[in-house]
Every structure is written in structure tokens, then in C-alpha cells.
Amino acid sequence: MHRIGIIGTGDIARKVYLPLLTGNPEVEIVALASRTRDKAEALARKYRLDTVVINVEEVLRRRPDIVFVHASTSAHFELVRACLDSGTHVYVDKPLSESFDETYRLEQQARAQGLLLAVGFNRRFAPMVRAAVEAVPNPSIIISEKHRMPLRPSRPFGTVYNDLIHAIDLACWAGSIPTDMVVQGSAGPWNGETSMQMLQHYLPGLTHFIFTQRRDAFAQAVSWAIAYQTDRWKSTDPDLGRKPSYDFSLIDALYQNTLADNFGWETWFKLNGVEPLRLTYEDIVEDPRKEILRSLKFLGLEAPAELSLVTRIEKQGTDLNRNWRDRYLADKARNNVTQLPTHWLPDYSG
């Protein structure tokens, strides 16, 4: 018997999940939660459910094996995180979140805890879709369309992210294209290729990868913003006398780029079966000798008997970096700002 909690009484829950789950003899609905108690109680009477509650905490107190989340997308992050924090598996309607940052954090948390975090791309299981995929096992062309009548007014983001996402997933799944993560490296294209495509195309025989990133992505974005404005990327670069000014939008765009870049590399490693040696900027700064020896060992190279290190580049971070980081986090929490597209960068060269 599978013990399931349901949060949210949206359209898809009423049309699909409640009829299916309550009709399955191997399923026990331990609680139905909704902020609109009257609506939840009406559904409970219809499907003969015993327990109606108003929040996720009351659902989790009944110790379900898995929670189905059918609330509005804006509520997904907090609800899913609460379930994962309690050690409970989650099935959630698409999209997982409206934020790349939140989606990444939930995926990483579920992975670290060994929990199922399933996003409901239910078109894969439609009988006619299954029949079509079985009839044409290796398609050369896939056309996946989404029709919505009547047309609802919506922002372009909402139309693409909430509706087109089904068509994209269905096309990838039907064509056996890996869909656990589909990303493009944040590095700009060169001759029409991303950095990952260049590696695959021009250096297919690479077997050892060292993946270096900064543990504190917020601090990295701040450092990047300062360097972008001053054009001083390392301590040996000349000081052009440009004074940086705090710019939330710039830091936020660079922070999103940092996450996208890291996420893109992690995806590339996973899809190609690569396990890199992972280094962090902070560890290299703290003990460069130790990290160099780790790298040599990973590459199958012997360390010299006398390893002498000479550092020519100095760390540039100052109190300004720390102050901007704290200010950025405070602004982000206070304003709950909408994230900018990651390609957006203002011109500070003047």
C-alpha cells in the first residue's frame, strides 16, 4: 500500500490525479490539503477521503510515502522544499519552479538526500502517444505541437514555460534525446558552437577533466561585476581608474550566468559519463600546494621531488566585495525581484 498526500486542488488534480489515485486499490490518500478548505472538503466527500488539512505541515505529520503537489507554480519551491526537508518523495506538476536558481537547489537537495523528485510530464504516458512511439521507434523527424483553445492572455514567459515545455519534453522523450537536463553552456558561441559542442567535436578523446568553480556563487558574481566595470580581471592588469558602482541587476544577471554555467558543465559530465576532479577557488586559495598535488595524482602524473610554488597573482577581493555581496542578498530577499535574462549585460566601457 502506497501512502500518498495531495497538496492543491487545481484543475489537473481534479481531472486526472484524484480519480486515478482514489480508484487504485494499492493507494491510500492520507490527506488532501488546500488553502480553500470548502473546495477540498467537497472533493473529499466526492472521493470518500477522511482527512482534509490546510497546509503542508499537517500533510507531512501523517507520514506519507510521497506527496503529490498540484498547487500554483509560485508555491512549488516552498512546498517541495518542505517535503524534501522531511525526507519525503515528491511528484510535482510541471514546471518545478519559475526560477532556475530554485529549480537547481531543489534538484541538488533531492539528489543529496536520495529522494525521488518527479516532475509531471504526463504526456509521455498518454496511450496514443505511447502507441505512436512504438509504431515509429527511430523517428528522423518529430513534430510536437501544443494547441490551447480558447487562447488565454499570458506573458510570453508563461506561454513558453507553462505550455511549450510539454511539447519540448515530448519531442525529446519520443526521440530518445536525454531530457534529465537540457542546457546550453553560458559561454558565447564560437563559429555557431557552444564551448561544450567544441569539446565534443574537436577534442573527442579527452578522458580527464578538472572542474574548478567557486563555492560561493554570490561572491563570484560580485567579483565578476567589479571586474566587468573596472576592466581589471586580475591583479596584474593595469588600473584604468574606473570606479565600480553597485548595480543589483548586473550582479543578478552574472549570478544567473554562473549557475547556468556550472549547471551546464554538470549536465555535460553526466550525459557523457565523465567524473571530473572537482576543485574550488576557496580551496586553491587556502592550500594551493595540496590542490596541485591532487590534480597531478588525478592526471596520473608524479609530483616533482621539489615542488616550488610562486604566486604572481594576488587576490583582489576587499571589503567592497563583502559589502556588495551582503547588499545584493538583502535586496534580493526584500524585493523578491524577477531575474533578468542571462544574456543581459550593460555597457560599462564608457
Protein backbone atom coordinates (compact mmCIF):
# COMPACT_ATOMS: atom_id res chain seq x y z
CA MET A 1 0.00 0.00 0.00
CA HIS A 2 1.33 3.42 -1.02
CA ARG A 3 0.54 6.28 1.36
CA ILE A 4 0.08 9.50 -0.64
CA GLY A 5 -0.53 13.08 0.43
CA ILE A 6 -2.03 15.57 -2.03
CA ILE A 7 -1.42 19.32 -1.84
CA GLY A 8 -3.55 21.53 -4.04
CA THR A 9 -6.89 21.04 -5.75
CA GLY A 10 -6.13 22.58 -9.11
CA ASP A 11 -7.65 21.59 -12.43
CA ILE A 12 -5.21 18.76 -13.17
CA ALA A 13 -5.71 17.29 -9.70
CA ARG A 14 -9.47 17.25 -10.11
CA LYS A 15 -9.49 15.96 -13.71
CA VAL A 16 -6.72 13.37 -13.54
CA TYR A 17 -4.93 12.57 -10.30
CA LEU A 18 -7.75 12.32 -7.78
CA PRO A 19 -9.88 9.98 -9.98
CA LEU A 20 -6.88 7.78 -10.79
CA LEU A 21 -5.36 7.61 -7.31
CA THR A 22 -8.62 7.04 -5.44
CA GLY A 23 -9.51 4.30 -7.89
CA ASN A 24 -6.28 2.40 -7.26
CA PRO A 25 -6.61 -0.25 -4.51
CA GLU A 26 -2.86 -0.01 -3.81
CA VAL A 27 -3.11 3.67 -2.83
CA GLU A 28 -4.19 5.30 0.43
CA ILE A 29 -4.73 9.08 0.38
CA VAL A 30 -3.62 10.10 3.88
CA ALA A 31 -4.51 13.80 3.50
CA LEU A 32 -5.83 16.34 1.00
CA ALA A 33 -4.58 19.89 1.55
CA SER A 34 -5.86 23.15 0.14
CA ARG A 35 -5.90 26.78 1.25
CA THR A 36 -9.57 26.74 0.17
CA ARG A 37 -10.98 24.35 2.72
CA ASP A 38 -14.52 24.30 1.28
CA LYS A 39 -13.26 23.15 -2.11
CA ALA A 40 -11.09 20.46 -0.53
CA GLU A 41 -13.96 19.21 1.66
CA ALA A 42 -16.25 18.95 -1.38
CA LEU A 43 -13.65 16.85 -3.19
CA ALA A 44 -13.09 14.75 -0.06
CA ARG A 45 -16.79 13.92 0.07
CA LYS A 46 -16.82 13.07 -3.64
CA TYR A 47 -13.87 10.69 -3.34
CA ARG A 48 -14.59 9.50 0.21
CA LEU A 49 -11.38 10.88 1.74
CA ASP A 50 -11.14 11.08 5.52
CA THR A 51 -8.63 13.87 6.11
CA VAL A 52 -8.67 17.48 4.87
CA VAL A 53 -5.98 19.90 6.04
CA ILE A 54 -4.85 23.41 5.09
CA ASN A 55 -1.04 23.26 4.96
CA VAL A 56 1.94 21.09 4.07
CA GLU A 57 2.97 20.59 7.70
CA GLU A 58 -0.29 18.81 8.50
CA VAL A 59 0.14 16.57 5.46
CA LEU A 60 3.68 15.62 6.47
CA ARG A 61 2.60 14.83 10.06
CA ARG A 62 0.63 11.93 8.59
CA ARG A 63 3.91 10.46 7.22
CA PRO A 64 3.07 9.87 3.54
CA ASP A 65 5.44 7.88 1.35
CA ILE A 66 5.16 10.53 -1.36
CA VAL A 67 3.44 13.90 -1.74
CA PHE A 68 1.74 14.99 -4.94
CA VAL A 69 1.97 18.79 -5.36
CA HIS A 70 -0.76 20.35 -7.51
CA ALA A 71 -0.58 23.90 -6.20
CA SER A 72 0.24 27.03 -8.21
CA THR A 73 3.77 27.17 -9.65
CA SER A 74 4.68 30.14 -7.47
CA ALA A 75 4.13 27.94 -4.39
CA HIS A 76 6.11 24.94 -5.65
CA PHE A 77 9.51 25.84 -4.23
CA GLU A 78 8.46 26.18 -0.60
CA LEU A 79 6.13 23.18 -0.72
CA VAL A 80 8.62 20.87 -2.41
CA ARG A 81 11.45 22.00 -0.15
CA ALA A 82 9.35 21.30 2.96
CA CYS A 83 8.64 17.78 1.69
CA LEU A 84 12.28 17.11 0.89
CA ASP A 85 13.34 18.50 4.27
CA SER A 86 11.10 15.89 5.90
CA GLY A 87 12.64 13.08 3.82
CA THR A 88 9.54 12.59 1.68
CA HIS A 89 9.48 11.78 -2.04
CA VAL A 90 7.72 14.32 -4.29
CA TYR A 91 5.73 14.29 -7.51
CA VAL A 92 5.05 17.85 -8.67
CA ASP A 93 3.25 19.37 -11.63
CA LYS A 94 5.42 20.99 -14.27
CA PRO A 95 7.16 23.36 -14.15
CA LEU A 96 9.11 22.62 -11.00
CA SER A 97 9.67 26.31 -10.32
CA GLU A 98 9.62 29.69 -12.06
CA SER A 99 13.26 30.23 -11.11
CA PHE A 100 16.38 28.50 -12.39
CA ASP A 101 18.04 29.05 -9.02
CA GLU A 102 15.17 27.41 -7.13
CA THR A 103 14.95 24.51 -9.59
CA TYR A 104 18.68 23.85 -9.27
CA ARG A 105 18.55 23.97 -5.45
CA LEU A 106 15.64 21.50 -5.29
CA GLU A 107 17.32 19.13 -7.74
CA GLN A 108 20.55 19.22 -5.76
CA GLN A 109 18.73 18.67 -2.45
CA ALA A 110 16.79 15.68 -3.76
CA ARG A 111 19.96 14.20 -5.24
CA ALA A 112 21.90 14.67 -1.98
CA GLN A 113 19.13 13.04 0.08
CA GLY A 114 18.49 10.20 -2.36
CA LEU A 115 14.85 11.21 -2.80
CA LEU A 116 12.59 10.99 -5.83
CA LEU A 117 11.70 14.41 -7.26
CA ALA A 118 9.49 13.71 -10.27
CA VAL A 119 8.06 16.44 -12.49
CA GLY A 120 4.74 15.56 -14.10
CA PHE A 121 5.34 15.43 -17.82
CA ASN A 122 2.27 13.24 -18.18
CA ARG A 123 2.04 13.44 -21.99
CA ARG A 124 4.66 10.67 -22.11
CA PHE A 125 2.08 8.25 -20.70
CA ALA A 126 -0.87 9.11 -22.96
CA PRO A 127 -1.96 5.86 -24.68
CA MET A 128 -1.98 7.32 -28.20
CA VAL A 129 1.47 8.85 -27.69
CA ARG A 130 2.80 5.51 -26.47
CA ALA A 131 1.30 3.78 -29.50
CA ALA A 132 2.89 6.30 -31.88
CA VAL A 133 6.33 5.92 -30.31
CA GLU A 134 6.11 2.13 -30.51
CA ALA A 135 4.99 2.33 -34.15
CA VAL A 136 7.95 4.53 -35.16
CA PRO A 137 10.84 3.53 -32.87
CA ASN A 138 13.60 5.59 -34.54
CA PRO A 139 12.00 8.72 -35.96
CA SER A 140 14.07 11.09 -38.10
CA ILE A 141 11.61 13.98 -37.65
CA ILE A 142 9.34 14.68 -34.69
CA ILE A 143 6.61 17.33 -34.75
CA SER A 144 5.18 18.13 -31.33
CA GLU A 145 2.51 20.81 -31.14
CA LYS A 146 0.52 22.40 -28.36
CA HIS A 147 -3.00 23.68 -29.05
CA ARG A 148 -4.90 25.72 -26.49
CA MET A 149 -8.45 26.88 -27.10
CA PRO A 150 -9.64 29.39 -26.13
CA LEU A 151 -6.44 31.45 -26.16
CA ARG A 152 -5.66 32.89 -22.74
CA PRO A 153 -3.84 36.22 -22.28
CA SER A 154 -0.39 35.48 -20.90
CA ARG A 155 3.13 36.80 -20.78
CA PRO A 156 5.50 35.19 -23.32
CA PHE A 157 7.30 33.57 -20.38
CA GLY A 158 4.08 31.93 -19.20
CA THR A 159 3.14 30.70 -22.66
CA VAL A 160 6.54 29.17 -23.36
CA TYR A 161 7.34 27.89 -19.89
CA ASN A 162 3.93 26.51 -18.99
CA ASP A 163 2.67 25.28 -22.37
CA LEU A 164 5.56 24.79 -24.80
CA ILE A 165 7.54 22.90 -22.16
CA HIS A 166 5.23 19.90 -22.70
CA ALA A 167 5.87 19.87 -26.45
CA ILE A 168 9.63 20.14 -25.97
CA ASP A 169 9.72 17.34 -23.41
CA LEU A 170 7.53 15.11 -25.54
CA ALA A 171 9.70 15.59 -28.62
CA CYS A 172 12.89 14.88 -26.69
CA TRP A 173 11.44 11.82 -25.00
CA ALA A 174 9.95 10.37 -28.18
CA GLY A 175 13.25 10.86 -29.99
CA SER A 176 15.28 9.30 -27.16
CA ILE A 177 17.11 12.60 -26.57
CA PRO A 178 18.35 12.81 -22.94
CA THR A 179 15.90 15.06 -21.12
CA ASP A 180 17.03 14.95 -17.49
CA MET A 181 18.75 18.28 -18.17
CA VAL A 182 18.83 20.18 -21.47
CA VAL A 183 21.05 23.25 -21.26
CA GLN A 184 23.46 25.31 -23.30
CA GLY A 185 26.79 26.38 -21.88
CA SER A 186 26.75 30.04 -20.92
CA ALA A 187 29.94 30.69 -22.84
CA GLY A 188 29.17 32.58 -26.02
CA PRO A 189 29.06 30.73 -29.35
CA TRP A 190 32.16 30.46 -31.50
CA ASN A 191 31.51 29.66 -35.15
CA GLY A 192 27.99 28.73 -34.07
CA GLU A 193 29.13 26.23 -31.42
CA THR A 194 28.99 26.37 -27.65
CA SER A 195 32.05 25.50 -25.57
CA MET A 196 30.64 22.03 -24.87
CA GLN A 197 29.99 21.33 -28.54
CA MET A 198 33.52 22.45 -29.35
CA LEU A 199 34.96 19.99 -26.82
CA GLN A 200 32.90 17.13 -28.15
CA HIS A 201 33.66 17.93 -31.79
CA TYR A 202 37.31 18.93 -31.72
CA LEU A 203 38.64 17.00 -28.70
CA PRO A 204 36.58 13.78 -28.57
CA GLY A 205 39.40 11.80 -26.95
CA LEU A 206 39.62 13.78 -23.73
CA THR A 207 39.36 11.49 -20.72
CA HIS A 208 40.40 13.63 -17.73
CA PHE A 209 38.57 16.76 -16.68
CA ILE A 210 39.31 19.09 -13.78
CA PHE A 211 36.24 21.14 -12.90
CA THR A 212 37.04 24.31 -10.96
CA GLN A 213 34.32 26.51 -9.57
CA ARG A 214 33.76 28.90 -6.73
CA ARG A 215 31.91 27.57 -3.72
CA ASP A 216 30.25 30.95 -3.12
CA ALA A 217 28.45 31.80 -6.36
CA PHE A 218 27.16 35.09 -4.93
CA ALA A 219 30.71 36.25 -4.21
CA GLN A 220 31.76 35.14 -7.69
CA ALA A 221 29.03 37.28 -9.27
CA VAL A 222 30.12 40.30 -7.24
CA SER A 223 33.78 39.84 -8.24
CA TRP A 224 32.70 39.46 -11.85
CA ALA A 225 30.59 42.65 -11.68
CA ILE A 226 33.51 44.66 -10.28
CA ALA A 227 35.91 43.30 -12.91
CA TYR A 228 33.36 43.95 -15.64
CA GLN A 229 33.06 47.61 -14.65
CA THR A 230 36.75 48.27 -13.98
CA ASP A 231 38.15 46.02 -16.74
CA ARG A 232 40.62 44.70 -14.17
CA TRP A 233 40.23 40.94 -14.22
CA LYS A 234 43.41 40.05 -12.31
CA SER A 235 45.81 41.87 -10.05
CA THR A 236 48.43 42.21 -12.79
CA ASP A 237 46.04 44.12 -15.09
CA PRO A 238 46.58 47.90 -15.20
CA ASP A 239 44.34 50.10 -13.06
CA LEU A 240 42.38 52.24 -15.54
CA GLY A 241 40.91 54.41 -12.79
CA ARG A 242 37.33 53.22 -13.33
CA LYS A 243 35.30 53.27 -10.12
CA PRO A 244 32.72 50.49 -9.83
CA SER A 245 29.21 51.26 -8.64
CA TYR A 246 26.75 48.82 -7.06
CA ASP A 247 24.30 47.52 -9.66
CA PHE A 248 21.83 44.89 -8.49
CA SER A 249 20.67 43.98 -12.00
CA LEU A 250 24.21 43.41 -13.22
CA ILE A 251 25.13 41.21 -10.24
CA ASP A 252 21.91 39.24 -10.57
CA ALA A 253 22.46 38.59 -14.28
CA LEU A 254 26.02 37.44 -13.60
CA TYR A 255 24.87 35.24 -10.71
CA GLN A 256 22.36 33.52 -13.01
CA ASN A 257 25.10 33.07 -15.62
CA THR A 258 27.34 31.48 -13.00
CA LEU A 259 24.65 28.99 -12.01
CA ALA A 260 23.84 28.23 -15.66
CA ASP A 261 27.49 27.67 -16.50
CA ASN A 262 28.05 25.30 -13.57
CA PHE A 263 24.79 23.51 -14.28
CA GLY A 264 25.73 23.18 -17.95
CA TRP A 265 29.06 21.56 -17.16
CA GLU A 266 27.47 19.20 -14.64
CA THR A 267 25.00 18.19 -17.35
CA TRP A 268 27.72 17.61 -19.90
CA PHE A 269 29.68 15.47 -17.44
CA LYS A 270 26.59 13.41 -16.58
CA LEU A 271 25.44 12.85 -20.15
CA ASN A 272 28.94 11.79 -21.22
CA GLY A 273 29.71 9.56 -18.21
CA VAL A 274 32.54 11.81 -17.02
CA GLU A 275 33.52 12.11 -13.35
CA PRO A 276 35.83 15.13 -13.10
CA LEU A 277 38.18 16.10 -10.33
CA ARG A 278 36.40 18.91 -8.53
CA LEU A 279 38.36 21.86 -7.21
CA THR A 280 37.09 25.05 -5.62
CA TYR A 281 38.57 28.51 -5.76
CA GLU A 282 38.41 28.72 -1.98
CA ASP A 283 40.43 25.51 -1.51
CA ILE A 284 43.04 26.61 -4.03
CA VAL A 285 43.49 29.93 -2.23
CA GLU A 286 43.73 28.22 1.16
CA ASP A 287 46.22 25.49 0.17
CA PRO A 288 47.45 25.69 -3.45
CA ARG A 289 50.10 23.02 -2.94
CA LYS A 290 47.56 20.47 -1.77
CA GLU A 291 45.25 21.12 -4.74
CA ILE A 292 48.12 20.92 -7.24
CA LEU A 293 49.18 17.56 -5.83
CA ARG A 294 45.58 16.33 -6.06
CA SER A 295 45.45 17.41 -9.69
CA LEU A 296 48.72 15.68 -10.59
CA LYS A 297 47.58 12.45 -8.95
CA PHE A 298 44.27 12.61 -10.80
CA LEU A 299 46.09 13.03 -14.11
CA GLY A 300 48.39 10.08 -13.35
CA LEU A 301 51.48 12.27 -13.07
CA GLU A 302 54.17 12.08 -10.43
CA ALA A 303 54.80 15.20 -8.40
CA PRO A 304 58.34 16.62 -8.59
CA ALA A 305 60.51 15.86 -5.57
CA GLU A 306 60.91 19.58 -5.01
CA LEU A 307 57.70 21.41 -5.78
CA SER A 308 58.25 25.14 -5.55
CA LEU A 309 55.24 27.45 -5.88
CA VAL A 310 55.50 31.08 -6.93
CA THR A 311 52.27 33.10 -6.90
CA ARG A 312 52.27 36.09 -9.22
CA ILE A 313 48.57 36.95 -8.99
CA GLU A 314 47.09 38.35 -5.79
CA LYS A 315 43.55 38.02 -4.52
CA GLN A 316 41.64 41.21 -5.36
CA GLY A 317 38.66 40.85 -3.02
CA THR A 318 38.26 43.65 -0.48
CA ASP A 319 35.64 44.94 1.94
CA LEU A 320 33.84 46.30 -1.15
CA ASN A 321 33.19 42.73 -2.34
CA ARG A 322 31.80 41.68 1.02
CA ASN A 323 29.62 44.78 1.30
CA TRP A 324 28.18 44.31 -2.19
CA ARG A 325 27.51 40.62 -1.54
CA ASP A 326 25.58 41.40 1.65
CA ARG A 327 23.69 44.23 -0.05
CA TYR A 328 22.78 42.05 -3.03
CA LEU A 329 21.42 39.26 -0.83
CA ALA A 330 19.40 41.77 1.21
CA ASP A 331 17.95 43.38 -1.93
CA LYS A 332 17.10 40.01 -3.44
CA ALA A 333 15.32 38.84 -0.29
CA ARG A 334 13.49 42.11 0.28
CA ASN A 335 12.26 42.78 -3.24
CA ASN A 336 11.78 39.22 -4.48
CA VAL A 337 12.95 40.56 -7.84
CA THR A 338 12.34 38.99 -11.20
CA GLN A 339 15.57 37.60 -12.62
CA LEU A 340 16.87 39.11 -15.82
CA PRO A 341 17.79 37.11 -18.93
CA THR A 342 21.30 35.78 -18.56
CA HIS A 343 22.49 37.40 -21.79
CA TRP A 344 21.76 40.89 -20.49
CA LEU A 345 24.86 42.96 -19.74
CA PRO A 346 25.04 46.77 -19.75
CA ASP A 347 27.91 48.67 -21.36
CA TYR A 348 30.37 49.96 -18.76
CA SER A 349 33.19 50.62 -21.20
CA GLY A 350 32.50 54.38 -21.43
